């Protein structure tokens, strides 16, 4: 596979709602292409062509012959679109039908979020979902037990995909996930301390002389 930086997300199969167990790879490019690869469940040993190939083109400045068994990426994009892909998730949530079964990922440098079909079709920029949050740098994605999808901003914010507030058709908007309030953390700490202090003390017993 090579030693380039890549981020993965398994289409997890720890519950009955999961389906395939495929591994999706967001592979950061060298200087010209970003790519998404997929390793199907139950397979291994795929050669994605690095370093002779960068995405779907010969790596600029490298004259190595392409491996005969190189596996083509599912999708690529050039650095006019983004420069550092961040791997995401296949959306399996019960809500947001417009995202259902689509791979959702981002680009750290461009500050964008994309989706596509599992065969690479329908590559779509949904960065409009970030409207109102200002610039972000998507550094990771995650999901909860209900398969709600989140994007992690390198600046410290966590944003959750949700229905657009106006109910309009199209891709979901995002909402910020609030951090635990400082006062709430203090109250919790004081309560825990109080309970500890209220524990009955063990009496010391002196041995008879």
N, C-alpha and C. Protein backbone atom coordinates (compact mmCIF):
# COMPACT_ATOMS: atom_id res chain seq x y z
N UNK A 1 0.82 -1.20 0.00
CA UNK A 1 0.00 0.00 0.00
C UNK A 1 0.86 1.25 0.00
N UNK A 2 2.07 1.17 0.53
CA UNK A 2 2.92 2.35 0.61
C UNK A 2 2.87 2.95 1.99
N UNK A 3 3.63 4.03 2.19
CA UNK A 3 3.75 4.61 3.53
C UNK A 3 3.12 5.99 3.63
N UNK A 4 2.24 6.34 2.69
CA UNK A 4 1.61 7.63 2.78
C UNK A 4 0.60 7.67 3.91
N UNK A 5 0.21 8.88 4.30
CA UNK A 5 -0.76 9.05 5.37
C UNK A 5 -2.16 8.74 4.87
N UNK A 6 -2.89 7.91 5.62
CA UNK A 6 -4.27 7.65 5.23
C UNK A 6 -5.10 7.41 6.47
N UNK A 7 -6.39 7.77 6.37
CA UNK A 7 -7.31 7.59 7.49
C UNK A 7 -8.41 6.65 7.06
N UNK A 8 -8.88 5.82 7.98
CA UNK A 8 -9.82 4.77 7.63
C UNK A 8 -11.08 4.85 8.46
N UNK A 9 -12.12 4.20 7.95
CA UNK A 9 -13.33 4.01 8.73
C UNK A 9 -13.96 2.70 8.29
N UNK A 10 -14.11 1.79 9.21
CA UNK A 10 -14.79 0.54 8.89
C UNK A 10 -16.29 0.78 8.91
N UNK A 11 -16.98 0.18 7.95
CA UNK A 11 -18.44 0.17 8.01
C UNK A 11 -18.80 -0.86 9.06
N UNK A 12 -18.82 -0.43 10.32
CA UNK A 12 -18.76 -1.33 11.46
C UNK A 12 -19.91 -2.34 11.46
N UNK A 13 -19.63 -3.52 11.92
CA UNK A 13 -20.63 -4.58 11.96
C UNK A 13 -20.74 -5.16 13.36
N UNK A 14 -20.74 -4.27 14.37
CA UNK A 14 -20.88 -4.73 15.74
C UNK A 14 -22.35 -4.88 16.13
N UNK A 15 -23.27 -4.38 15.30
CA UNK A 15 -24.69 -4.50 15.60
C UNK A 15 -25.40 -5.01 14.37
N UNK A 16 -26.66 -5.39 14.55
CA UNK A 16 -27.44 -5.95 13.45
C UNK A 16 -27.75 -4.91 12.38
N UNK A 17 -27.57 -3.62 12.70
CA UNK A 17 -27.89 -2.58 11.74
C UNK A 17 -26.76 -2.36 10.75
N UNK A 18 -25.58 -2.88 11.04
CA UNK A 18 -24.46 -2.74 10.12
C UNK A 18 -24.56 -3.78 9.01
N UNK A 19 -23.86 -3.52 7.92
CA UNK A 19 -24.15 -4.33 6.74
C UNK A 19 -22.96 -5.02 6.11
N UNK A 20 -21.83 -4.35 5.89
CA UNK A 20 -20.83 -4.93 5.00
C UNK A 20 -19.49 -5.23 5.64
N UNK A 21 -19.00 -4.40 6.55
CA UNK A 21 -17.66 -4.58 7.10
C UNK A 21 -16.56 -4.12 6.18
N UNK A 22 -16.89 -3.41 5.10
CA UNK A 22 -15.86 -2.88 4.20
C UNK A 22 -15.03 -1.81 4.92
N UNK A 23 -13.78 -1.67 4.49
CA UNK A 23 -12.88 -0.65 5.03
C UNK A 23 -12.69 0.44 3.99
N UNK A 24 -13.03 1.67 4.38
CA UNK A 24 -12.88 2.82 3.48
C UNK A 24 -11.65 3.62 3.89
N UNK A 25 -10.84 4.02 2.91
CA UNK A 25 -9.56 4.67 3.17
C UNK A 25 -9.51 6.02 2.47
N UNK A 26 -9.30 7.06 3.25
CA UNK A 26 -9.01 8.38 2.69
C UNK A 26 -7.50 8.54 2.64
N UNK A 27 -6.93 8.54 1.44
CA UNK A 27 -5.48 8.51 1.25
C UNK A 27 -4.98 9.89 0.84
N UNK A 28 -4.22 10.53 1.73
CA UNK A 28 -3.66 11.86 1.44
C UNK A 28 -2.62 11.76 0.34
N UNK A 29 -2.71 12.63 -0.66
CA UNK A 29 -1.84 12.58 -1.82
C UNK A 29 -0.46 13.16 -1.57
N UNK A 30 0.38 13.02 -2.58
CA UNK A 30 1.74 13.54 -2.53
C UNK A 30 1.75 15.03 -2.89
N UNK A 31 1.31 15.34 -4.11
CA UNK A 31 1.33 16.74 -4.52
C UNK A 31 0.33 17.07 -5.60
N UNK A 32 -0.49 16.07 -5.99
CA UNK A 32 -1.39 16.31 -7.12
C UNK A 32 -2.79 15.75 -6.94
N UNK A 33 -2.94 14.62 -6.25
CA UNK A 33 -4.24 13.95 -6.16
C UNK A 33 -4.52 13.47 -4.74
N UNK A 34 -5.80 13.56 -4.36
CA UNK A 34 -6.31 12.90 -3.15
C UNK A 34 -7.18 11.73 -3.62
N UNK A 35 -7.26 10.67 -2.81
CA UNK A 35 -8.01 9.52 -3.29
C UNK A 35 -8.74 8.80 -2.16
N UNK A 36 -9.76 8.07 -2.56
CA UNK A 36 -10.51 7.19 -1.66
C UNK A 36 -10.41 5.78 -2.20
N UNK A 37 -10.01 4.86 -1.33
CA UNK A 37 -9.91 3.45 -1.68
C UNK A 37 -10.84 2.64 -0.78
N UNK A 38 -11.14 1.44 -1.21
CA UNK A 38 -12.00 0.56 -0.42
C UNK A 38 -11.43 -0.85 -0.42
N UNK A 39 -11.39 -1.44 0.78
CA UNK A 39 -11.03 -2.85 0.92
C UNK A 39 -12.29 -3.59 1.33
N UNK A 40 -12.79 -4.44 0.45
CA UNK A 40 -14.03 -5.17 0.72
C UNK A 40 -13.82 -6.17 1.85
N UNK A 41 -14.85 -6.37 2.63
CA UNK A 41 -14.79 -7.33 3.74
C UNK A 41 -14.36 -8.70 3.23
N UNK A 42 -13.45 -9.32 3.98
CA UNK A 42 -12.99 -10.65 3.63
C UNK A 42 -11.87 -10.69 2.62
N UNK A 43 -11.38 -9.50 2.18
CA UNK A 43 -10.27 -9.45 1.23
C UNK A 43 -9.09 -8.74 1.88
N UNK A 44 -7.91 -8.90 1.28
CA UNK A 44 -6.70 -8.25 1.80
C UNK A 44 -5.64 -8.23 0.71
N UNK A 45 -4.55 -7.51 1.00
CA UNK A 45 -3.41 -7.53 0.10
C UNK A 45 -3.52 -6.64 -1.12
N UNK A 46 -4.50 -5.73 -1.14
CA UNK A 46 -4.65 -4.86 -2.30
C UNK A 46 -3.45 -3.95 -2.47
N UNK A 47 -3.06 -3.74 -3.71
CA UNK A 47 -1.96 -2.83 -4.05
C UNK A 47 -2.59 -1.62 -4.75
N UNK A 48 -2.52 -0.46 -4.07
CA UNK A 48 -3.14 0.74 -4.63
C UNK A 48 -2.18 1.56 -5.48
N UNK A 49 -1.00 1.01 -5.76
CA UNK A 49 -0.15 1.58 -6.79
C UNK A 49 0.89 2.58 -6.36
N UNK A 50 0.90 2.98 -5.07
CA UNK A 50 1.93 3.90 -4.61
C UNK A 50 3.28 3.19 -4.60
N UNK A 51 4.36 3.79 -5.08
CA UNK A 51 4.44 5.21 -5.36
C UNK A 51 4.43 5.54 -6.84
N UNK A 52 4.26 4.54 -7.66
CA UNK A 52 4.21 4.77 -9.11
C UNK A 52 2.98 5.57 -9.51
N UNK A 53 1.88 5.36 -8.76
CA UNK A 53 0.63 6.04 -9.08
C UNK A 53 0.21 6.93 -7.91
N UNK A 54 -0.29 8.08 -8.25
CA UNK A 54 -0.90 8.97 -7.26
C UNK A 54 -2.35 9.16 -7.69
N UNK A 55 -3.25 8.49 -6.99
CA UNK A 55 -4.62 8.48 -7.45
C UNK A 55 -4.71 7.72 -8.76
N UNK A 56 -5.22 8.38 -9.79
CA UNK A 56 -5.37 7.73 -11.09
C UNK A 56 -4.38 8.23 -12.13
N UNK A 57 -3.28 8.87 -11.67
CA UNK A 57 -2.27 9.36 -12.60
C UNK A 57 -0.89 8.87 -12.16
N UNK A 58 0.09 8.82 -13.09
CA UNK A 58 1.47 8.54 -12.67
C UNK A 58 1.95 9.62 -11.72
N UNK A 59 2.61 9.23 -10.65
CA UNK A 59 3.09 10.21 -9.68
C UNK A 59 4.09 11.16 -10.35
N UNK A 60 3.83 12.48 -10.32
CA UNK A 60 4.75 13.43 -10.95
C UNK A 60 6.17 13.29 -10.41
N UNK A 61 7.15 13.23 -11.31
CA UNK A 61 8.55 13.14 -10.93
C UNK A 61 9.02 11.74 -10.60
N UNK A 62 8.12 10.76 -10.66
CA UNK A 62 8.49 9.37 -10.36
C UNK A 62 8.32 8.55 -11.63
N UNK A 63 9.34 7.81 -12.00
CA UNK A 63 9.30 7.06 -13.24
C UNK A 63 9.12 5.56 -13.03
N UNK A 64 8.70 5.17 -11.84
CA UNK A 64 8.49 3.75 -11.57
C UNK A 64 7.32 3.23 -12.42
N UNK A 65 7.43 2.01 -12.92
CA UNK A 65 6.31 1.43 -13.66
C UNK A 65 5.15 1.09 -12.73
N UNK A 66 3.96 1.27 -13.22
CA UNK A 66 2.78 0.96 -12.42
C UNK A 66 2.67 -0.54 -12.21
N UNK A 67 2.35 -0.99 -10.99
CA UNK A 67 2.18 -2.43 -10.75
C UNK A 67 1.06 -2.99 -11.61
N UNK A 68 1.24 -4.18 -12.10
CA UNK A 68 0.23 -4.79 -12.96
C UNK A 68 -1.05 -5.11 -12.22
N UNK A 69 -0.94 -5.26 -10.90
CA UNK A 69 -2.12 -5.60 -10.09
C UNK A 69 -2.67 -4.42 -9.32
N UNK A 70 -2.30 -3.19 -9.73
CA UNK A 70 -2.74 -2.00 -9.00
C UNK A 70 -4.27 -1.89 -9.03
N UNK A 71 -4.84 -1.60 -7.87
CA UNK A 71 -6.29 -1.42 -7.74
C UNK A 71 -6.61 0.06 -7.85
N UNK A 72 -7.49 0.41 -8.77
CA UNK A 72 -7.84 1.82 -8.98
C UNK A 72 -8.63 2.36 -7.79
N UNK A 73 -8.44 3.63 -7.45
CA UNK A 73 -9.23 4.22 -6.38
C UNK A 73 -10.71 4.32 -6.75
N UNK A 74 -11.55 4.42 -5.73
CA UNK A 74 -12.98 4.61 -5.97
C UNK A 74 -13.23 5.99 -6.57
N UNK A 75 -12.52 6.99 -6.05
CA UNK A 75 -12.65 8.35 -6.58
C UNK A 75 -11.37 9.12 -6.26
N UNK A 76 -11.05 10.10 -7.08
CA UNK A 76 -9.92 11.00 -6.83
C UNK A 76 -10.38 12.44 -7.08
N UNK A 77 -9.63 13.37 -6.53
CA UNK A 77 -9.82 14.77 -6.91
C UNK A 77 -8.47 15.47 -6.86
N UNK A 78 -8.34 16.53 -7.67
CA UNK A 78 -7.06 17.23 -7.75
C UNK A 78 -7.00 18.33 -6.70
N UNK A 79 -5.85 19.00 -6.66
CA UNK A 79 -5.64 19.99 -5.61
C UNK A 79 -6.30 21.33 -5.88
N UNK A 80 -7.06 21.41 -6.96
CA UNK A 80 -7.94 22.54 -7.13
C UNK A 80 -9.19 22.41 -6.28
N UNK A 81 -9.49 21.17 -5.85
CA UNK A 81 -10.66 20.89 -5.02
C UNK A 81 -10.28 20.88 -3.54
N UNK A 82 -9.18 20.22 -3.20
CA UNK A 82 -8.70 20.12 -1.83
C UNK A 82 -7.32 19.49 -1.81
N UNK A 83 -6.65 19.56 -0.67
CA UNK A 83 -5.25 19.14 -0.63
C UNK A 83 -4.91 18.15 0.47
N UNK A 84 -5.87 17.77 1.30
CA UNK A 84 -5.58 16.81 2.37
C UNK A 84 -6.89 16.14 2.79
N UNK A 85 -7.17 15.00 2.17
CA UNK A 85 -8.44 14.31 2.42
C UNK A 85 -8.52 13.80 3.85
N UNK A 86 -9.72 13.85 4.44
CA UNK A 86 -9.99 13.28 5.76
C UNK A 86 -11.07 12.22 5.59
N UNK A 87 -10.69 10.97 5.84
CA UNK A 87 -11.63 9.86 5.67
C UNK A 87 -12.81 9.98 6.60
N UNK A 88 -13.95 9.49 6.15
CA UNK A 88 -15.17 9.60 6.94
C UNK A 88 -15.90 8.29 7.13
N UNK A 89 -17.22 8.31 6.97
CA UNK A 89 -18.07 7.16 7.24
C UNK A 89 -19.10 6.97 6.13
N UNK A 90 -19.50 5.73 5.95
CA UNK A 90 -20.72 5.46 5.20
C UNK A 90 -21.89 5.71 6.16
N UNK A 91 -22.78 6.61 5.77
CA UNK A 91 -23.86 7.00 6.68
C UNK A 91 -24.92 5.91 6.73
N UNK A 92 -25.19 5.42 7.95
CA UNK A 92 -26.16 4.36 8.16
C UNK A 92 -27.25 4.76 9.15
N UNK A 93 -27.40 6.06 9.39
CA UNK A 93 -28.41 6.52 10.34
C UNK A 93 -29.82 6.30 9.83
N UNK A 94 -30.77 6.30 10.78
CA UNK A 94 -32.17 6.10 10.42
C UNK A 94 -32.78 7.36 9.82
N UNK A 95 -32.18 8.52 10.10
CA UNK A 95 -32.68 9.78 9.59
C UNK A 95 -31.79 10.26 8.43
N UNK A 96 -32.11 11.42 7.90
CA UNK A 96 -31.33 12.05 6.84
C UNK A 96 -31.22 11.13 5.63
N UNK A 97 -32.37 10.87 5.01
CA UNK A 97 -32.42 9.94 3.89
C UNK A 97 -31.50 10.35 2.76
N UNK A 98 -31.24 11.66 2.61
CA UNK A 98 -30.40 12.11 1.51
C UNK A 98 -28.94 11.70 1.69
N UNK A 99 -28.55 11.31 2.91
CA UNK A 99 -27.19 10.82 3.16
C UNK A 99 -27.12 9.30 3.27
N UNK A 100 -28.25 8.64 3.35
CA UNK A 100 -28.27 7.20 3.62
C UNK A 100 -27.49 6.42 2.57
N UNK A 101 -26.55 5.60 3.06
CA UNK A 101 -25.76 4.75 2.18
C UNK A 101 -24.70 5.47 1.38
N UNK A 102 -24.44 6.73 1.69
CA UNK A 102 -23.41 7.50 0.99
C UNK A 102 -22.19 7.66 1.89
N UNK A 103 -21.03 7.72 1.27
CA UNK A 103 -19.79 7.95 2.01
C UNK A 103 -19.64 9.45 2.22
N UNK A 104 -19.43 9.84 3.47
CA UNK A 104 -19.28 11.25 3.85
C UNK A 104 -17.85 11.46 4.33
N UNK A 105 -17.16 12.44 3.78
CA UNK A 105 -15.75 12.68 4.11
C UNK A 105 -15.45 14.16 3.94
N UNK A 106 -14.21 14.56 4.16
CA UNK A 106 -13.88 15.98 4.10
C UNK A 106 -12.48 16.22 3.56
N UNK A 107 -12.13 17.50 3.53
CA UNK A 107 -10.76 17.90 3.18
C UNK A 107 -10.28 18.90 4.22
N UNK A 108 -9.17 18.55 4.88
CA UNK A 108 -8.66 19.35 5.99
C UNK A 108 -8.22 20.73 5.54
N UNK A 109 -7.51 20.82 4.43
CA UNK A 109 -6.96 22.09 3.97
C UNK A 109 -8.04 22.98 3.38
N UNK A 110 -8.90 22.40 2.55
CA UNK A 110 -9.94 23.19 1.90
C UNK A 110 -11.09 23.53 2.84
N UNK A 111 -11.22 22.80 3.96
CA UNK A 111 -12.31 23.05 4.88
C UNK A 111 -13.66 22.68 4.29
N UNK A 112 -13.70 21.57 3.54
CA UNK A 112 -14.92 21.17 2.85
C UNK A 112 -15.39 19.79 3.32
N UNK A 113 -16.69 19.53 3.06
CA UNK A 113 -17.28 18.22 3.32
C UNK A 113 -17.92 17.75 2.02
N UNK A 114 -17.71 16.47 1.71
CA UNK A 114 -18.22 15.88 0.49
C UNK A 114 -19.01 14.62 0.79
N UNK A 115 -19.83 14.20 -0.17
CA UNK A 115 -20.43 12.88 -0.13
C UNK A 115 -20.32 12.27 -1.52
N UNK A 116 -20.48 10.95 -1.56
CA UNK A 116 -20.50 10.26 -2.85
C UNK A 116 -21.20 8.93 -2.69
N UNK A 117 -21.65 8.35 -3.79
CA UNK A 117 -22.16 6.99 -3.77
C UNK A 117 -21.04 6.01 -3.56
N UNK A 118 -21.36 4.79 -3.18
CA UNK A 118 -20.34 3.81 -2.85
C UNK A 118 -19.54 3.34 -4.06
N UNK A 119 -20.01 3.68 -5.25
CA UNK A 119 -19.24 3.37 -6.45
C UNK A 119 -18.49 4.60 -6.98
N UNK A 120 -18.48 5.67 -6.18
CA UNK A 120 -17.80 6.90 -6.56
C UNK A 120 -18.66 7.87 -7.34
N UNK A 121 -19.87 7.48 -7.65
CA UNK A 121 -20.75 8.37 -8.42
C UNK A 121 -21.37 9.44 -7.52
N UNK A 122 -21.83 10.49 -8.15
CA UNK A 122 -22.53 11.53 -7.40
C UNK A 122 -21.66 12.28 -6.42
N UNK A 123 -20.38 12.48 -6.77
CA UNK A 123 -19.47 13.25 -5.90
C UNK A 123 -20.05 14.65 -5.70
N UNK A 124 -20.35 15.00 -4.45
CA UNK A 124 -21.07 16.24 -4.17
C UNK A 124 -20.42 17.01 -3.03
N UNK A 125 -20.25 18.28 -3.22
CA UNK A 125 -19.74 19.19 -2.18
C UNK A 125 -20.93 19.67 -1.36
N UNK A 126 -20.98 19.31 -0.08
CA UNK A 126 -22.06 19.76 0.79
C UNK A 126 -21.55 20.73 1.85
N UNK A 127 -20.51 21.47 1.51
CA UNK A 127 -19.92 22.39 2.48
C UNK A 127 -20.88 23.50 2.88
N UNK A 128 -21.97 23.67 2.14
CA UNK A 128 -22.97 24.66 2.54
C UNK A 128 -23.56 24.31 3.89
N UNK A 129 -23.45 23.03 4.30
CA UNK A 129 -23.91 22.63 5.62
C UNK A 129 -23.13 23.32 6.73
N UNK A 130 -21.95 23.86 6.40
CA UNK A 130 -21.11 24.54 7.39
C UNK A 130 -21.49 26.00 7.56
N UNK A 131 -22.47 26.45 6.81
CA UNK A 131 -22.87 27.86 6.86
C UNK A 131 -23.19 28.27 8.29
N UNK A 132 -22.60 29.35 8.72
CA UNK A 132 -22.84 29.86 10.06
C UNK A 132 -21.77 29.49 11.06
N UNK A 133 -20.86 28.59 10.70
CA UNK A 133 -19.81 28.17 11.62
C UNK A 133 -18.46 28.77 11.29
N UNK A 134 -18.36 29.45 10.16
CA UNK A 134 -17.08 29.99 9.76
C UNK A 134 -16.15 28.89 9.29
N UNK A 135 -14.89 29.22 9.01
CA UNK A 135 -13.95 28.22 8.50
C UNK A 135 -13.74 27.08 9.50
N UNK A 136 -13.68 25.86 8.99
CA UNK A 136 -13.32 24.72 9.82
C UNK A 136 -12.27 23.91 9.10
N UNK A 137 -11.59 23.05 9.86
CA UNK A 137 -10.62 22.12 9.29
C UNK A 137 -11.03 20.72 9.73
N UNK A 138 -11.77 19.99 8.89
CA UNK A 138 -12.24 18.66 9.30
C UNK A 138 -11.07 17.71 9.54
N UNK A 139 -10.86 17.35 10.80
CA UNK A 139 -9.74 16.48 11.14
C UNK A 139 -10.15 15.04 11.38
N UNK A 140 -11.44 14.81 11.62
CA UNK A 140 -11.93 13.46 11.85
C UNK A 140 -13.45 13.45 11.76
N UNK A 141 -13.99 12.25 11.62
CA UNK A 141 -15.43 12.04 11.66
C UNK A 141 -15.72 10.96 12.69
N UNK A 142 -16.95 10.92 13.17
CA UNK A 142 -17.32 9.89 14.14
C UNK A 142 -18.82 9.64 14.09
N UNK A 143 -19.25 8.59 14.76
CA UNK A 143 -20.67 8.30 14.85
C UNK A 143 -20.98 7.82 16.26
N UNK A 144 -22.26 7.97 16.66
CA UNK A 144 -22.66 7.49 17.98
C UNK A 144 -23.42 6.17 17.84
N UNK A 145 -23.99 5.70 18.95
CA UNK A 145 -24.66 4.42 18.94
C UNK A 145 -25.88 4.35 18.05
N UNK A 146 -26.43 5.52 17.71
CA UNK A 146 -27.58 5.57 16.81
C UNK A 146 -27.18 5.89 15.38
N UNK A 147 -25.89 5.85 15.12
CA UNK A 147 -25.33 6.13 13.79
C UNK A 147 -25.53 7.58 13.35
N UNK A 148 -25.74 8.48 14.32
CA UNK A 148 -25.66 9.90 13.99
C UNK A 148 -24.22 10.22 13.63
N UNK A 149 -24.04 11.14 12.69
CA UNK A 149 -22.71 11.42 12.17
C UNK A 149 -22.20 12.76 12.68
N UNK A 150 -20.91 12.82 13.02
CA UNK A 150 -20.27 14.02 13.54
C UNK A 150 -19.00 14.31 12.75
N UNK A 151 -18.66 15.60 12.67
CA UNK A 151 -17.38 16.00 12.11
C UNK A 151 -16.63 16.77 13.18
N UNK A 152 -15.34 16.47 13.33
CA UNK A 152 -14.49 17.10 14.33
C UNK A 152 -13.65 18.17 13.66
N UNK A 153 -13.76 19.39 14.16
CA UNK A 153 -12.97 20.51 13.66
C UNK A 153 -11.65 20.56 14.42
N UNK A 154 -10.54 20.72 13.71
CA UNK A 154 -9.23 20.80 14.34
C UNK A 154 -9.17 21.91 15.39
N UNK A 155 -10.01 22.93 15.23
CA UNK A 155 -10.06 24.04 16.19
C UNK A 155 -10.74 23.69 17.49
N UNK A 156 -11.32 22.49 17.59
CA UNK A 156 -11.89 22.05 18.87
C UNK A 156 -13.39 21.82 18.87
N UNK A 157 -14.08 22.20 17.81
CA UNK A 157 -15.53 22.02 17.78
C UNK A 157 -15.91 20.64 17.26
N UNK A 158 -17.06 20.16 17.72
CA UNK A 158 -17.66 18.94 17.19
C UNK A 158 -19.03 19.32 16.65
N UNK A 159 -19.27 18.99 15.37
CA UNK A 159 -20.51 19.37 14.71
C UNK A 159 -21.29 18.12 14.34
N UNK A 160 -22.60 18.17 14.53
CA UNK A 160 -23.46 17.02 14.28
C UNK A 160 -24.34 17.27 13.06
N UNK A 161 -24.43 16.29 12.18
CA UNK A 161 -25.34 16.39 11.04
C UNK A 161 -26.77 16.28 11.53
N UNK A 162 -27.63 17.16 11.04
CA UNK A 162 -29.03 17.16 11.44
C UNK A 162 -29.88 17.71 10.30
N UNK A 163 -31.20 17.65 10.49
CA UNK A 163 -32.08 18.25 9.51
C UNK A 163 -31.88 19.76 9.47
N UNK A 164 -32.01 20.35 8.29
CA UNK A 164 -31.96 21.80 8.18
C UNK A 164 -33.08 22.41 9.00
N UNK A 165 -32.78 23.52 9.67
CA UNK A 165 -33.74 24.14 10.59
C UNK A 165 -35.04 24.54 9.88
N UNK A 166 -34.93 24.93 8.63
CA UNK A 166 -36.12 25.38 7.90
C UNK A 166 -36.86 24.23 7.23
N UNK A 167 -36.40 23.00 7.44
CA UNK A 167 -37.07 21.85 6.87
C UNK A 167 -36.91 21.73 5.37
N UNK A 168 -36.03 22.52 4.79
CA UNK A 168 -35.87 22.50 3.34
C UNK A 168 -35.28 21.18 2.88
N UNK A 169 -35.61 20.82 1.66
CA UNK A 169 -35.04 19.61 1.10
C UNK A 169 -33.55 19.80 0.85
N UNK A 170 -32.85 18.70 0.69
CA UNK A 170 -31.41 18.78 0.42
C UNK A 170 -30.63 18.22 1.58
N UNK A 171 -29.34 18.48 1.59
CA UNK A 171 -28.48 17.90 2.60
C UNK A 171 -28.67 18.58 3.95
N UNK A 172 -28.32 17.82 4.96
CA UNK A 172 -28.53 18.28 6.33
C UNK A 172 -27.63 19.45 6.67
N UNK A 173 -28.10 20.22 7.62
CA UNK A 173 -27.28 21.26 8.21
C UNK A 173 -26.44 20.61 9.32
N UNK A 174 -25.60 21.40 9.95
CA UNK A 174 -24.80 20.93 11.07
C UNK A 174 -25.12 21.77 12.29
N UNK A 175 -25.01 21.17 13.45
CA UNK A 175 -25.15 21.93 14.68
C UNK A 175 -23.95 21.65 15.56
N UNK A 176 -23.56 22.64 16.34
CA UNK A 176 -22.43 22.47 17.24
C UNK A 176 -22.85 21.63 18.43
N UNK A 177 -22.00 20.72 18.85
CA UNK A 177 -22.23 19.93 20.05
C UNK A 177 -21.64 20.70 21.22
N UNK A 178 -22.48 21.11 22.19
CA UNK A 178 -21.95 21.95 23.28
C UNK A 178 -20.98 21.21 24.16
N UNK A 179 -19.97 21.93 24.63
CA UNK A 179 -19.04 21.36 25.60
C UNK A 179 -19.68 21.38 26.98
N UNK A 180 -19.30 20.45 27.86
CA UNK A 180 -19.83 20.47 29.22
C UNK A 180 -19.52 21.80 29.90
N UNK A 181 -20.53 22.42 30.50
CA UNK A 181 -20.35 23.72 31.13
C UNK A 181 -19.42 23.59 32.33
N UNK A 182 -18.59 24.61 32.53
CA UNK A 182 -17.63 24.58 33.64
C UNK A 182 -18.34 24.45 34.98
N UNK A 183 -19.45 25.21 35.13
CA UNK A 183 -20.15 25.17 36.42
C UNK A 183 -20.72 23.79 36.69
N UNK A 184 -21.20 23.11 35.64
CA UNK A 184 -21.75 21.77 35.82
C UNK A 184 -20.67 20.80 36.26
N UNK A 185 -19.47 20.95 35.70
CA UNK A 185 -18.37 20.09 36.09
C UNK A 185 -17.98 20.34 37.55
N UNK A 186 -18.01 21.62 37.96
CA UNK A 186 -17.69 21.95 39.34
C UNK A 186 -18.70 21.35 40.30
N UNK A 187 -20.00 21.48 39.97
CA UNK A 187 -21.04 20.93 40.83
C UNK A 187 -20.87 19.43 40.97
N UNK A 188 -20.59 18.77 39.86
CA UNK A 188 -20.38 17.32 39.89
C UNK A 188 -19.20 16.96 40.78
N UNK A 189 -18.13 17.75 40.68
CA UNK A 189 -16.96 17.50 41.50
C UNK A 189 -17.23 17.69 42.97
N UNK A 190 -17.97 18.78 43.31
CA UNK A 190 -18.30 19.03 44.72
C UNK A 190 -19.19 17.93 45.27
N UNK A 191 -20.15 17.46 44.46
CA UNK A 191 -21.06 16.40 44.91
C UNK A 191 -20.29 15.13 45.20
N UNK A 192 -19.35 14.79 44.31
CA UNK A 192 -18.56 13.58 44.50
C UNK A 192 -17.71 13.69 45.77
N UNK A 193 -17.16 14.89 45.99
CA UNK A 193 -16.34 15.10 47.20
C UNK A 193 -17.19 14.96 48.45
N UNK A 194 -18.41 15.53 48.40
CA UNK A 194 -19.29 15.44 49.56
C UNK A 194 -19.67 14.02 49.90
N UNK A 195 -19.94 13.21 48.88
CA UNK A 195 -20.28 11.82 49.12
C UNK A 195 -19.10 11.06 49.74
N UNK A 196 -17.93 11.39 49.28
CA UNK A 196 -16.74 10.72 49.81
C UNK A 196 -16.54 11.05 51.29
N UNK A 197 -16.80 12.33 51.65
CA UNK A 197 -16.61 12.75 53.04
C UNK A 197 -17.66 12.16 53.97
N UNK A 198 -18.82 11.82 53.40
CA UNK A 198 -19.91 11.30 54.22
C UNK A 198 -19.81 9.80 54.47
N UNK A 199 -18.84 9.15 53.86
CA UNK A 199 -18.68 7.72 54.10
C UNK A 199 -18.36 7.48 55.58
N UNK A 200 -18.98 6.45 56.21
CA UNK A 200 -18.69 6.17 57.63
C UNK A 200 -17.23 5.78 57.81
N UNK A 201 -16.66 6.37 58.84
CA UNK A 201 -15.25 6.07 59.12
C UNK A 201 -15.13 4.72 59.83
N UNK A 202 -14.13 4.01 59.45
CA UNK A 202 -13.85 2.75 60.11
C UNK A 202 -13.18 3.01 61.45
N UNK A 203 -13.74 2.42 62.52
CA UNK A 203 -13.13 2.61 63.82
C UNK A 203 -11.87 1.76 63.94
N UNK A 204 -10.87 2.36 64.55
CA UNK A 204 -9.64 1.60 64.76
C UNK A 204 -9.78 0.79 66.05
N UNK A 205 -9.36 -0.42 66.03
CA UNK A 205 -9.46 -1.32 67.20
C UNK A 205 -8.07 -1.61 67.69
N UNK A 206 -7.84 -1.28 68.96
CA UNK A 206 -6.54 -1.53 69.55
C UNK A 206 -6.49 -2.94 70.10
N UNK A 207 -5.41 -3.57 69.85
CA UNK A 207 -5.23 -4.92 70.41
C UNK A 207 -5.11 -4.84 71.93
N UNK A 208 -5.70 -5.82 72.63
CA UNK A 208 -5.62 -5.78 74.11
C UNK A 208 -4.19 -6.04 74.54
N UNK A 209 -3.82 -5.36 75.59
CA UNK A 209 -2.45 -5.49 76.08
C UNK A 209 -2.35 -6.56 77.15
